[in-house]
Amino acid sequence: MFNCLPIQKNKIFFFSYYGSQYGCSPKYITDYILKHDPDGQFDVVWAFNEPETKQQINGIKRIKTMSLRYFYELCTAKVIITNFRTTDLYKKRKNQYYIQTWHSSLRLKQIEKDAEEALPPHYVQMAKKDSVKCDLLLSGCQYSTEIFKRSFWYNGEIFEHGTPRNDVLFQGDRGGKNEVYHRLKISPEKKIVLYAPTFRKNNNLEIYDLDYKNISRDLEAKFKGEWVVLVKLHPHLISKSSQLIYGENVMDVTSYDDIQELLMIADVLISDYSSLMFDFAITKRPCFLYVPDVKEYISQERKLYFDLMELPFISAANNQELLKKIDEFNEEEYKERLTAFLTHVGSFENGHACEHLLNRINSVCFNETRSEMNEAV
């Protein structure tokens, strides 16, 4: 029914992780559009599972996923932007333009066709159909472009201008950092170590046995200052985070929407197989990989695009080794490895991804219409 209505050339429809959050690249594209669209020419629509919890976001139209209004807005939008696959419920119209931002600039774990044997068959079929709908796929580096060409079931245009959500990591916005500190009720004088691991298929909680107390002690000895540990587990584990997070100056931020804001204020990142390490590399701050289950992970979960020894980040197989690596950290050598790695993968990240994408959106929404009008005349 709604597909019979006219497409509104100025309407952009966003959703992130199926409506669960206001975050990732769709958020940063939205923020940039609102800041650089003073005349309000764009009608910006966001779909949320719980729109009533997003009332603090200004400048957007909030709708509930799977509601009647959801399908109306989706069917009449000129541009659709998401960071994950769309389902069969989205039937793309002829004159719509679908931008797939994906949800990482580069990744360690193999994805899509490269990991097809590890993926559920229903997801594979959905992904193949989604790629046919796609008009533009964003890439953060040349290495990602090659992965997409091989594994994404996609033969369309790849937009090689960086990852919108990473623009914020170039800006050094002290005011923005202070806002995050304020929301977390942390003093800006504190130093932050962010522990952000990915999930495991079997939900094995023993893997997340980080020694928060001694890590804080060693970070203080190595880098000075008073440290707070922020722990952001994968959303799959949000109901179990209270079982894993305890101790003085340790905070559970698993429910915090925007991981980029946490990366922005983090002085040190500890992760494992998450693509966050590649985003954080932009900051040139220390990143450690805590991987006590690396052999099991590769054999039971996903194969990796890189051997851990190829990465510039510092890996450890247990808490004792991690503490030793913190004590031995050499900033100059680390930054040299980071620079060489970013050159090797051909990074496109320069802090202007949103700007390039808005130029494209302007062209899609308005220039195309003007040329159609000229042809009619």
Protein backbone atom coordinates (compact mmCIF):
# COMPACT_ATOMS: atom_id res chain seq x y z
CA MET A 1 0.00 0.00 0.00
CA PHE A 2 2.71 2.52 1.01
CA ASN A 3 4.79 1.66 -2.05
CA CYS A 4 2.06 3.34 -4.10
CA LEU A 5 2.75 6.71 -2.44
CA PRO A 6 5.28 9.20 -3.86
CA ILE A 7 8.88 9.01 -2.67
CA GLN A 8 9.86 12.19 -0.80
CA LYS A 9 13.19 13.32 -2.24
CA ASN A 10 14.37 14.98 1.00
CA LYS A 11 13.59 12.10 3.37
CA ILE A 12 16.39 9.97 4.85
CA PHE A 13 15.48 6.87 6.83
CA PHE A 14 18.01 5.60 9.42
CA PHE A 15 18.28 2.64 11.73
CA SER A 16 21.19 1.06 13.60
CA TYR A 17 21.40 -2.57 14.71
CA TYR A 18 17.74 -3.15 13.88
CA GLY A 19 16.49 -0.23 15.95
CA SER A 20 18.28 -1.05 19.19
CA GLN A 21 20.36 2.13 19.46
CA TYR A 22 21.26 5.62 18.29
CA GLY A 23 24.85 4.87 17.38
CA CYS A 24 27.50 3.68 14.93
CA SER A 25 27.92 5.40 11.55
CA PRO A 26 24.20 6.20 11.07
CA LYS A 27 24.34 8.41 14.18
CA TYR A 28 27.39 10.34 12.99
CA ILE A 29 25.96 10.82 9.51
CA THR A 30 22.78 12.17 11.13
CA ASP A 31 24.68 14.53 13.43
CA TYR A 32 26.69 15.88 10.49
CA ILE A 33 23.58 16.40 8.36
CA LEU A 34 21.78 18.27 11.15
CA LYS A 35 24.82 20.48 11.75
CA HIS A 36 25.33 21.29 8.06
CA ASP A 37 21.67 21.57 7.05
CA PRO A 38 20.67 24.83 8.76
CA ASP A 39 17.63 25.30 6.51
CA GLY A 40 16.25 21.91 7.47
CA GLN A 41 15.86 20.71 3.91
CA PHE A 42 16.20 17.07 5.00
CA ASP A 43 13.46 15.11 6.74
CA VAL A 44 15.50 12.83 9.02
CA VAL A 45 13.66 9.75 10.30
CA TRP A 46 15.01 7.21 12.79
CA ALA A 47 13.46 3.85 13.69
CA PHE A 48 13.86 2.62 17.28
CA ASN A 49 12.54 -0.37 19.17
CA GLU A 50 11.85 1.98 22.10
CA PRO A 51 11.51 5.51 20.64
CA GLU A 52 10.24 6.84 23.98
CA THR A 53 13.78 6.39 25.38
CA LYS A 54 15.29 8.64 22.67
CA GLN A 55 13.40 11.85 23.40
CA GLN A 56 16.64 13.71 24.14
CA ILE A 57 17.75 13.50 20.49
CA ASN A 58 16.85 16.73 18.71
CA GLY A 59 16.25 17.33 15.02
CA ILE A 60 14.99 13.88 14.09
CA LYS A 61 11.63 12.17 13.71
CA ARG A 62 11.41 9.09 15.97
CA ILE A 63 9.24 6.13 15.02
CA LYS A 64 8.73 2.66 16.41
CA THR A 65 10.10 -0.28 14.43
CA MET A 66 7.49 -2.51 12.77
CA SER A 67 4.71 0.01 13.37
CA LEU A 68 2.44 1.24 10.58
CA ARG A 69 4.30 4.56 10.65
CA TYR A 70 7.59 2.67 10.30
CA PHE A 71 6.54 1.13 6.99
CA TYR A 72 5.13 4.44 5.73
CA GLU A 73 8.39 6.30 6.41
CA LEU A 74 10.52 3.47 5.03
CA CYS A 75 8.52 3.18 1.82
CA THR A 76 8.47 6.93 1.12
CA ALA A 77 12.12 7.75 1.93
CA LYS A 78 14.52 8.61 -0.86
CA VAL A 79 17.60 7.39 1.02
CA ILE A 80 17.83 4.45 3.45
CA ILE A 81 20.93 4.17 5.65
CA THR A 82 21.77 1.33 8.03
CA ASN A 83 24.81 -0.46 9.48
CA PHE A 84 23.47 -4.00 9.24
CA ARG A 85 21.53 -6.18 6.84
CA THR A 86 17.94 -5.35 5.97
CA THR A 87 15.38 -8.15 6.13
CA ASP A 88 12.88 -9.36 3.55
CA LEU A 89 10.37 -6.91 5.06
CA TYR A 90 12.16 -4.10 3.22
CA LYS A 91 11.11 -4.17 -0.44
CA LYS A 92 13.28 -1.56 -2.11
CA ARG A 93 11.53 0.72 -4.59
CA LYS A 94 12.95 1.61 -7.99
CA ASN A 95 13.94 5.21 -7.14
CA GLN A 96 15.17 4.62 -3.61
CA TYR A 97 18.88 4.76 -2.74
CA TYR A 98 20.16 2.32 -0.11
CA ILE A 99 23.48 3.08 1.64
CA GLN A 100 25.09 0.28 3.63
CA THR A 101 27.64 1.66 6.12
CA TRP A 102 28.45 -1.76 7.66
CA HIS A 103 29.62 -1.74 11.26
CA SER A 104 33.41 -1.69 11.13
CA SER A 105 36.20 0.04 9.23
CA LEU A 106 38.23 -3.19 9.17
CA ARG A 107 37.75 -6.45 10.94
CA LEU A 108 39.78 -9.31 12.42
CA LYS A 109 37.03 -11.94 12.23
CA GLN A 110 36.11 -13.20 8.77
CA ILE A 111 32.69 -12.09 7.53
CA GLU A 112 29.92 -13.01 5.11
CA LYS A 113 30.98 -15.34 2.26
CA ASP A 114 34.45 -15.80 3.81
CA ALA A 115 32.74 -17.16 6.94
CA GLU A 116 29.73 -18.74 5.25
CA GLU A 117 30.22 -22.14 6.89
CA ALA A 118 29.98 -20.51 10.35
CA LEU A 119 26.87 -18.48 9.57
CA PRO A 120 23.24 -19.62 9.85
CA PRO A 121 21.77 -20.48 6.41
CA HIS A 122 18.85 -18.07 6.90
CA TYR A 123 21.29 -15.21 7.51
CA VAL A 124 23.26 -16.05 4.36
CA GLN A 125 20.10 -15.92 2.25
CA MET A 126 19.07 -12.61 3.85
CA ALA A 127 22.55 -11.15 3.27
CA LYS A 128 22.55 -12.12 -0.40
CA LYS A 129 19.17 -10.47 -0.94
CA ASP A 130 20.27 -7.38 0.97
CA SER A 131 23.38 -6.95 -1.20
CA VAL A 132 21.21 -6.91 -4.34
CA LYS A 133 19.26 -3.96 -2.88
CA CYS A 134 22.38 -2.00 -1.97
CA ASP A 135 23.47 1.06 -4.02
CA LEU A 136 26.50 2.16 -2.02
CA LEU A 137 28.79 0.33 0.40
CA LEU A 138 31.21 2.32 2.59
CA SER A 139 34.81 1.22 3.05
CA GLY A 140 37.37 2.33 5.63
CA CYS A 141 40.48 1.04 3.87
CA GLN A 142 41.72 -0.72 0.75
CA TYR A 143 41.95 -4.01 2.65
CA SER A 144 38.24 -3.75 3.49
CA THR A 145 37.41 -2.96 -0.13
CA GLU A 146 39.07 -6.21 -1.20
CA ILE A 147 37.17 -8.14 1.49
CA PHE A 148 33.88 -6.62 0.32
CA LYS A 149 34.58 -7.43 -3.32
CA ARG A 150 35.26 -11.04 -2.43
CA SER A 151 32.80 -11.76 0.34
CA PHE A 152 29.85 -9.36 0.34
CA TRP A 153 27.87 -10.79 -2.58
CA TYR A 154 27.99 -7.25 -3.95
CA ASN A 155 29.12 -5.87 -7.30
CA GLY A 156 28.10 -2.22 -6.87
CA GLU A 157 29.95 0.95 -5.95
CA ILE A 158 32.26 0.94 -2.94
CA PHE A 159 32.66 4.39 -1.40
CA GLU A 160 36.31 4.70 -0.36
CA HIS A 161 36.22 7.75 1.90
CA GLY A 162 36.47 6.28 5.40
CA THR A 163 34.01 5.38 8.14
CA PRO A 164 31.60 8.11 9.36
CA ARG A 165 31.67 6.94 12.96
CA ASN A 166 35.46 7.39 13.03
CA ASP A 167 35.41 11.08 12.12
CA VAL A 168 34.92 11.94 15.79
CA LEU A 169 38.23 10.25 16.67
CA PHE A 170 40.08 12.84 14.59
CA GLN A 171 38.45 15.90 16.07
CA GLY A 172 39.89 15.99 19.58
CA ASP A 173 36.71 17.63 20.84
CA ARG A 174 37.38 18.45 24.49
CA GLY A 175 33.83 19.69 24.98
CA GLY A 176 32.44 16.44 23.58
CA LYS A 177 34.71 14.42 25.87
CA ASN A 178 33.56 16.41 28.89
CA GLU A 179 29.93 15.65 28.00
CA VAL A 180 30.70 11.92 28.00
CA TYR A 181 32.50 12.20 31.35
CA HIS A 182 29.47 14.07 32.71
CA ARG A 183 27.00 11.42 31.50
CA LEU A 184 29.13 8.71 33.10
CA LYS A 185 29.58 10.77 36.28
CA ILE A 186 33.36 10.49 36.04
CA SER A 187 35.81 13.32 36.73
CA PRO A 188 37.61 14.49 33.56
CA GLU A 189 40.81 14.25 35.59
CA LYS A 190 40.52 10.47 35.71
CA LYS A 191 42.23 8.25 33.16
CA ILE A 192 40.13 5.61 31.41
CA VAL A 193 40.87 2.03 30.42
CA LEU A 194 38.05 0.57 28.33
CA TYR A 195 37.60 -3.20 28.28
CA ALA A 196 35.41 -4.07 25.26
CA PRO A 197 35.54 -7.73 24.24
CA THR A 198 33.32 -9.46 21.68
CA PHE A 199 30.91 -12.32 22.41
CA ARG A 200 31.42 -16.09 22.23
CA LYS A 201 28.89 -18.49 20.73
CA ASN A 202 28.73 -20.59 23.87
CA ASN A 203 28.42 -17.49 26.12
CA ASN A 204 31.40 -18.69 28.14
CA LEU A 205 31.76 -16.09 30.89
CA GLU A 206 35.07 -17.45 32.17
CA ILE A 207 36.85 -15.84 29.24
CA TYR A 208 36.16 -12.37 30.68
CA ASP A 209 38.36 -12.87 33.75
CA LEU A 210 40.32 -9.63 33.48
CA ASP A 211 42.22 -8.70 36.65
CA TYR A 212 40.83 -5.16 36.98
CA LYS A 213 42.60 -4.34 40.26
CA ASN A 214 46.12 -5.22 39.16
CA ILE A 215 45.64 -3.79 35.68
CA SER A 216 44.63 -0.44 37.22
CA ARG A 217 47.66 -0.61 39.52
CA ASP A 218 50.07 -1.29 36.65
CA LEU A 219 48.53 1.36 34.40
CA GLU A 220 48.97 3.88 37.21
CA ALA A 221 52.61 2.87 37.63
CA LYS A 222 53.28 3.01 33.88
CA PHE A 223 51.25 6.03 32.76
CA LYS A 224 50.56 7.84 36.07
CA GLY A 225 47.18 9.24 37.13
CA GLU A 226 44.11 7.66 38.73
CA TRP A 227 42.38 5.07 36.55
CA VAL A 228 38.76 4.03 36.06
CA VAL A 229 37.89 0.77 34.29
CA LEU A 230 34.91 0.91 31.92
CA VAL A 231 33.60 -2.49 30.87
CA LYS A 232 31.43 -2.69 27.76
CA LEU A 233 30.41 -6.25 26.99
CA HIS A 234 28.64 -7.28 23.82
CA PRO A 235 24.87 -6.55 23.85
CA HIS A 236 24.27 -10.32 23.88
CA LEU A 237 25.63 -10.28 27.46
CA ILE A 238 23.82 -7.24 28.81
CA SER A 239 21.71 -9.38 31.16
CA LYS A 240 24.83 -11.06 32.58
CA SER A 241 27.19 -8.11 32.88
CA SER A 242 26.50 -7.72 36.61
CA GLN A 243 27.99 -11.20 37.13
CA LEU A 244 31.30 -10.13 35.58
CA ILE A 245 31.88 -6.55 36.61
CA TYR A 246 32.93 -5.77 40.15
CA GLY A 247 35.59 -3.93 42.08
CA GLU A 248 36.56 -0.41 43.07
CA ASN A 249 36.62 2.10 40.19
CA VAL A 250 35.10 -0.44 37.78
CA MET A 251 31.95 0.59 35.87
CA ASP A 252 29.55 -1.43 33.72
CA VAL A 253 28.82 0.58 30.54
CA THR A 254 27.41 -2.32 28.52
CA SER A 255 24.12 -0.48 28.00
CA TYR A 256 25.84 2.71 26.78
CA ASP A 257 24.63 3.30 23.21
CA ASP A 258 27.65 4.80 21.52
CA ILE A 259 30.94 2.90 21.68
CA GLN A 260 32.71 5.66 19.69
CA GLU A 261 32.18 8.09 22.57
CA LEU A 262 33.81 5.58 24.90
CA LEU A 263 36.73 5.16 22.49
CA MET A 264 37.02 8.95 22.35
CA ILE A 265 37.65 9.25 26.10
CA ALA A 266 39.64 6.02 26.55
CA ASP A 267 43.35 6.38 27.28
CA VAL A 268 43.86 2.63 26.86
CA LEU A 269 41.75 -0.03 25.14
CA ILE A 270 41.71 -3.71 26.03
CA SER A 271 39.79 -5.90 23.58
CA ASP A 272 40.12 -9.30 21.93
CA TYR A 273 38.77 -10.06 18.42
CA SER A 274 36.55 -6.99 18.08
CA SER A 275 36.92 -4.61 15.14
CA LEU A 276 37.06 -1.76 17.67
CA MET A 277 40.84 -2.15 17.73
CA PHE A 278 41.04 -0.77 14.18
CA ASP A 279 38.89 2.25 15.02
CA PHE A 280 40.97 2.94 18.12
CA ALA A 281 44.19 2.76 16.07
CA ILE A 282 43.29 6.23 14.74
CA THR A 283 43.92 7.71 18.20
CA LYS A 284 47.44 6.16 18.38
CA ARG A 285 46.72 5.32 22.03
CA PRO A 286 47.74 1.93 23.52
CA CYS A 287 45.60 -1.09 22.64
CA PHE A 288 46.08 -4.51 24.23
CA LEU A 289 44.37 -7.73 23.13
CA TYR A 290 43.44 -10.15 25.90
CA VAL A 291 43.00 -13.48 24.07
CA PRO A 292 43.20 -16.46 26.46
CA ASP A 293 41.11 -18.61 24.08
CA VAL A 294 42.67 -17.77 20.71
CA LYS A 295 43.13 -21.39 19.56
CA GLU A 296 39.60 -22.37 20.54
CA TYR A 297 38.15 -19.20 19.03
CA ILE A 298 39.72 -19.80 15.62
CA SER A 299 38.72 -23.46 15.56
CA GLN A 300 35.19 -23.08 16.96
CA GLU A 301 34.01 -19.55 16.14
CA ARG A 302 35.57 -17.64 13.22
CA LYS A 303 38.78 -17.73 11.25
CA LEU A 304 40.75 -14.50 11.26
CA TYR A 305 41.94 -12.21 8.46
CA PHE A 306 45.21 -11.51 10.29
CA ASP A 307 47.54 -13.52 12.46
CA LEU A 308 47.67 -11.73 15.81
CA MET A 309 51.43 -11.32 15.40
CA GLU A 310 50.82 -9.30 12.21
CA LEU A 311 48.84 -6.71 14.11
CA PRO A 312 50.42 -3.64 15.73
CA PHE A 313 48.43 -4.25 18.92
CA ILE A 314 49.93 -6.06 21.90
CA SER A 315 48.37 -9.45 22.69
CA ALA A 316 48.44 -11.52 25.87
CA ALA A 317 47.13 -14.99 26.65
CA ASN A 318 46.62 -14.54 30.41
CA ASN A 319 46.47 -11.85 33.07
CA GLN A 320 50.09 -12.28 34.14
CA GLU A 321 51.29 -11.81 30.57
CA LEU A 322 49.03 -8.80 30.09
CA LEU A 323 50.45 -7.10 33.19
CA LYS A 324 53.98 -7.79 31.92
CA LYS A 325 53.14 -6.30 28.49
CA ILE A 326 51.74 -3.16 30.16
CA ASP A 327 54.93 -2.77 32.19
CA GLU A 328 57.09 -3.21 29.07
CA PHE A 329 55.01 -0.98 26.76
CA ASN A 330 57.13 1.19 24.46
CA GLU A 331 55.11 4.08 23.01
CA GLU A 332 57.53 4.97 20.22
CA GLU A 333 57.76 1.39 18.89
CA TYR A 334 53.99 0.98 19.17
CA LYS A 335 53.25 4.11 17.13
CA GLU A 336 55.74 3.04 14.46
CA ARG A 337 53.96 -0.31 14.14
CA LEU A 338 50.56 1.44 13.96
CA THR A 339 51.71 3.78 11.20
CA ALA A 340 53.16 0.89 9.18
CA PHE A 341 49.97 -1.16 9.59
CA LEU A 342 47.64 1.66 8.53
CA THR A 343 49.82 2.17 5.46
CA HIS A 344 49.75 -1.56 4.75
CA VAL A 345 45.93 -1.78 4.82
CA GLY A 346 45.56 1.44 2.84
CA SER A 347 43.47 3.43 5.32
CA PHE A 348 40.98 5.95 3.92
CA GLU A 349 40.27 7.44 7.34
CA ASN A 350 40.96 11.19 7.47
CA GLY A 351 38.07 12.62 9.49
CA HIS A 352 35.99 13.68 6.46
CA ALA A 353 33.85 10.59 5.76
CA CYS A 354 30.59 12.33 6.73
CA GLU A 355 31.38 15.32 4.54
CA HIS A 356 31.98 13.13 1.47
CA LEU A 357 28.84 11.13 2.13
CA LEU A 358 26.64 14.21 2.56
CA ASN A 359 27.86 15.45 -0.82
CA ARG A 360 26.72 12.17 -2.33
CA ILE A 361 23.36 12.30 -0.53
CA ASN A 362 22.79 15.85 -1.77
CA SER A 363 23.48 14.66 -5.30
CA VAL A 364 21.14 11.69 -4.97
CA CYS A 365 18.30 13.65 -3.39
CA PHE A 366 18.37 16.89 -5.36
CA ASN A 367 20.66 16.87 -8.41
CA GLU A 368 18.97 13.78 -9.82
CA THR A 369 15.57 15.45 -9.49
CA ARG A 370 16.83 18.64 -11.13
CA SER A 371 18.23 16.72 -14.11
CA GLU A 372 14.94 14.87 -14.46
CA MET A 373 13.12 18.23 -14.50
CA ASN A 374 15.52 19.59 -17.12
CA GLU A 375 14.93 16.56 -19.30
CA ALA A 376 11.17 17.06 -18.98
CA VAL A 377 11.53 20.69 -20.12
